[in-house]
Amino acid sequence: MAMQSIKDILNRFNPLEDKYVSREYQSFGVYLSQKLMDERRKSLYIKLAKNTPRPLLEEALRYVIDSNARNKGALFMWKLKELGVFKNSPKPKKP
């Protein structure tokens, strides 16, 4: 999977349709939602693209693209969990 250059992203940017895409991570989040056929959850993928290291997202995406899963979004989230993206944060102790 080749990474898109900023020039490519800007060339395909349509200000009438792509109203909320102004940062690179937003573009990558939209790209994830399209590849996973889960465009209803664009905001989730944009948040993941902003807060998650890109190599982990790309590894999970490659795993899903190579599969024949019906629910690619769920498999993507499972793979991210397997990669340790969603570590349990310690609960605060009560006084």
C-alpha atoms as a PDB file:
ATOM      1  CA  MET A   1       0.000   0.000   0.000  1.00  0.00           C
ATOM      2  CA  ALA A   2       1.570   3.268  -1.113  1.00  0.00           C
ATOM      3  CA  MET A   3       1.271   6.354   1.026  1.00  0.00           C
ATOM      4  CA  GLN A   4      -0.347   9.350  -0.582  1.00  0.00           C
ATOM      5  CA  SER A   5       1.663  12.526  -0.924  1.00  0.00           C
ATOM      6  CA  ILE A   6       0.248  15.836   0.218  1.00  0.00           C
ATOM      7  CA  LYS A   7       0.230  16.917  -3.438  1.00  0.00           C
ATOM      8  CA  ASP A   8      -1.975  13.913  -4.367  1.00  0.00           C
ATOM      9  CA  ILE A   9      -4.364  14.638  -1.512  1.00  0.00           C
ATOM     10  CA  LEU A  10      -4.660  18.304  -2.449  1.00  0.00           C
ATOM     11  CA  ASN A  11      -5.186  17.477  -6.124  1.00  0.00           C
ATOM     12  CA  ARG A  12      -8.147  15.260  -5.242  1.00  0.00           C
ATOM     13  CA  PHE A  13      -9.551  17.636  -2.599  1.00  0.00           C
ATOM     14  CA  ASN A  14     -13.001  18.936  -3.502  1.00  0.00           C
ATOM     15  CA  PRO A  15     -14.026  21.777  -1.149  1.00  0.00           C
ATOM     16  CA  LEU A  16     -17.711  21.188  -1.882  1.00  0.00           C
ATOM     17  CA  GLU A  17     -17.672  17.493  -0.940  1.00  0.00           C
ATOM     18  CA  ASP A  18     -14.695  17.175   1.441  1.00  0.00           C
ATOM     19  CA  LYS A  19     -15.723  19.857   3.890  1.00  0.00           C
ATOM     20  CA  TYR A  20     -14.101  18.509   7.020  1.00  0.00           C
ATOM     21  CA  VAL A  21     -10.816  17.228   5.582  1.00  0.00           C
ATOM     22  CA  SER A  22      -8.147  19.827   6.238  1.00  0.00           C
ATOM     23  CA  ARG A  23      -5.388  17.760   7.859  1.00  0.00           C
ATOM     24  CA  GLU A  24      -3.434  14.759   6.627  1.00  0.00           C
ATOM     25  CA  TYR A  25      -4.640  12.498   9.449  1.00  0.00           C
ATOM     26  CA  GLN A  26      -8.239  13.320   8.494  1.00  0.00           C
ATOM     27  CA  SER A  27      -7.539  12.250   4.933  1.00  0.00           C
ATOM     28  CA  PHE A  28      -6.005   9.004   6.187  1.00  0.00           C
ATOM     29  CA  GLY A  29      -9.021   8.382   8.439  1.00  0.00           C
ATOM     30  CA  VAL A  30     -11.378   8.816   5.480  1.00  0.00           C
ATOM     31  CA  TYR A  31      -9.123   6.508   3.443  1.00  0.00           C
ATOM     32  CA  LEU A  32      -9.371   3.865   6.194  1.00  0.00           C
ATOM     33  CA  SER A  33     -13.159   4.114   6.306  1.00  0.00           C
ATOM     34  CA  GLN A  34     -13.357   3.657   2.532  1.00  0.00           C
ATOM     35  CA  LYS A  35     -10.945   0.699   2.413  1.00  0.00           C
ATOM     36  CA  LEU A  36     -12.799  -0.973   5.293  1.00  0.00           C
ATOM     37  CA  MET A  37     -16.181  -0.238   3.666  1.00  0.00           C
ATOM     38  CA  ASP A  38     -17.305   1.422   6.911  1.00  0.00           C
ATOM     39  CA  GLU A  39     -17.906   5.043   5.929  1.00  0.00           C
ATOM     40  CA  ARG A  40     -20.564   5.503   8.619  1.00  0.00           C
ATOM     41  CA  ARG A  41     -17.766   5.553  11.191  1.00  0.00           C
ATOM     42  CA  LYS A  42     -15.443   8.048   9.480  1.00  0.00           C
ATOM     43  CA  SER A  43     -15.024  10.026  12.679  1.00  0.00           C
ATOM     44  CA  LEU A  44     -13.757   6.926  14.523  1.00  0.00           C
ATOM     45  CA  TYR A  45     -11.115   6.270  11.882  1.00  0.00           C
ATOM     46  CA  ILE A  46     -10.108   9.936  11.822  1.00  0.00           C
ATOM     47  CA  LYS A  47      -9.622   9.831  15.590  1.00  0.00           C
ATOM     48  CA  LEU A  48      -7.591   6.642  15.293  1.00  0.00           C
ATOM     49  CA  ALA A  49      -5.463   8.225  12.550  1.00  0.00           C
ATOM     50  CA  LYS A  50      -4.810  11.213  14.797  1.00  0.00           C
ATOM     51  CA  ASN A  51      -3.951   9.303  17.981  1.00  0.00           C
ATOM     52  CA  THR A  52      -2.506   5.968  16.839  1.00  0.00           C
ATOM     53  CA  PRO A  53       0.951   5.396  15.364  1.00  0.00           C
ATOM     54  CA  ARG A  54       0.621   5.079  11.591  1.00  0.00           C
ATOM     55  CA  PRO A  55       2.632   1.814  11.286  1.00  0.00           C
ATOM     56  CA  LEU A  56       0.129   0.050  13.561  1.00  0.00           C
ATOM     57  CA  LEU A  57      -2.822   1.294  11.509  1.00  0.00           C
ATOM     58  CA  GLU A  58      -1.148   0.241   8.282  1.00  0.00           C
ATOM     59  CA  GLU A  59      -0.326  -3.223   9.637  1.00  0.00           C
ATOM     60  CA  ALA A  60      -3.922  -3.758  10.762  1.00  0.00           C
ATOM     61  CA  LEU A  61      -5.225  -2.501   7.415  1.00  0.00           C
ATOM     62  CA  ARG A  62      -2.953  -4.887   5.483  1.00  0.00           C
ATOM     63  CA  TYR A  63      -4.204  -7.752   7.646  1.00  0.00           C
ATOM     64  CA  VAL A  64      -7.843  -6.894   6.918  1.00  0.00           C
ATOM     65  CA  ILE A  65      -7.371  -6.239   3.208  1.00  0.00           C
ATOM     66  CA  ASP A  66      -5.758  -9.676   2.820  1.00  0.00           C
ATOM     67  CA  SER A  67      -8.742 -11.350   4.504  1.00  0.00           C
ATOM     68  CA  ASN A  68     -12.171 -12.199   3.137  1.00  0.00           C
ATOM     69  CA  ALA A  69     -13.994 -10.845   6.180  1.00  0.00           C
ATOM     70  CA  ARG A  70     -17.562  -9.642   5.829  1.00  0.00           C
ATOM     71  CA  ASN A  71     -17.170  -7.053   8.596  1.00  0.00           C
ATOM     72  CA  LYS A  72     -13.805  -5.492   7.847  1.00  0.00           C
ATOM     73  CA  GLY A  73     -14.258  -2.722  10.420  1.00  0.00           C
ATOM     74  CA  ALA A  74     -14.670  -5.200  13.266  1.00  0.00           C
ATOM     75  CA  LEU A  75     -11.676  -7.235  12.120  1.00  0.00           C
ATOM     76  CA  PHE A  76      -9.610  -4.036  11.892  1.00  0.00           C
ATOM     77  CA  MET A  77     -10.504  -3.095  15.471  1.00  0.00           C
ATOM     78  CA  TRP A  78      -9.713  -6.638  16.660  1.00  0.00           C
ATOM     79  CA  LYS A  79      -6.301  -6.509  14.975  1.00  0.00           C
ATOM     80  CA  LEU A  80      -5.555  -3.139  16.585  1.00  0.00           C
ATOM     81  CA  LYS A  81      -6.416  -4.690  19.940  1.00  0.00           C
ATOM     82  CA  GLU A  82      -4.078  -7.605  19.183  1.00  0.00           C
ATOM     83  CA  LEU A  83      -1.318  -5.104  18.345  1.00  0.00           C
ATOM     84  CA  GLY A  84      -1.770  -3.495  21.770  1.00  0.00           C
ATOM     85  CA  VAL A  85      -3.285  -0.196  20.685  1.00  0.00           C
ATOM     86  CA  PHE A  86      -6.079  -0.371  23.262  1.00  0.00           C
ATOM     87  CA  LYS A  87      -4.195  -1.010  26.468  1.00  0.00           C
ATOM     88  CA  ASN A  88      -6.261  -1.027  29.610  1.00  0.00           C
ATOM     89  CA  SER A  89      -5.533   2.108  31.530  1.00  0.00           C
ATOM     90  CA  PRO A  90      -5.282   1.582  35.288  1.00  0.00           C
ATOM     91  CA  LYS A  91      -8.401   2.571  37.151  1.00  0.00           C
ATOM     92  CA  PRO A  92      -7.911   5.294  39.737  1.00  0.00           C
ATOM     93  CA  LYS A  93      -7.903   4.009  43.293  1.00  0.00           C
ATOM     94  CA  LYS A  94     -10.651   5.187  45.597  1.00  0.00           C
ATOM     95  CA  PRO A  95      -9.480   7.073  48.704  1.00  0.00           C
END
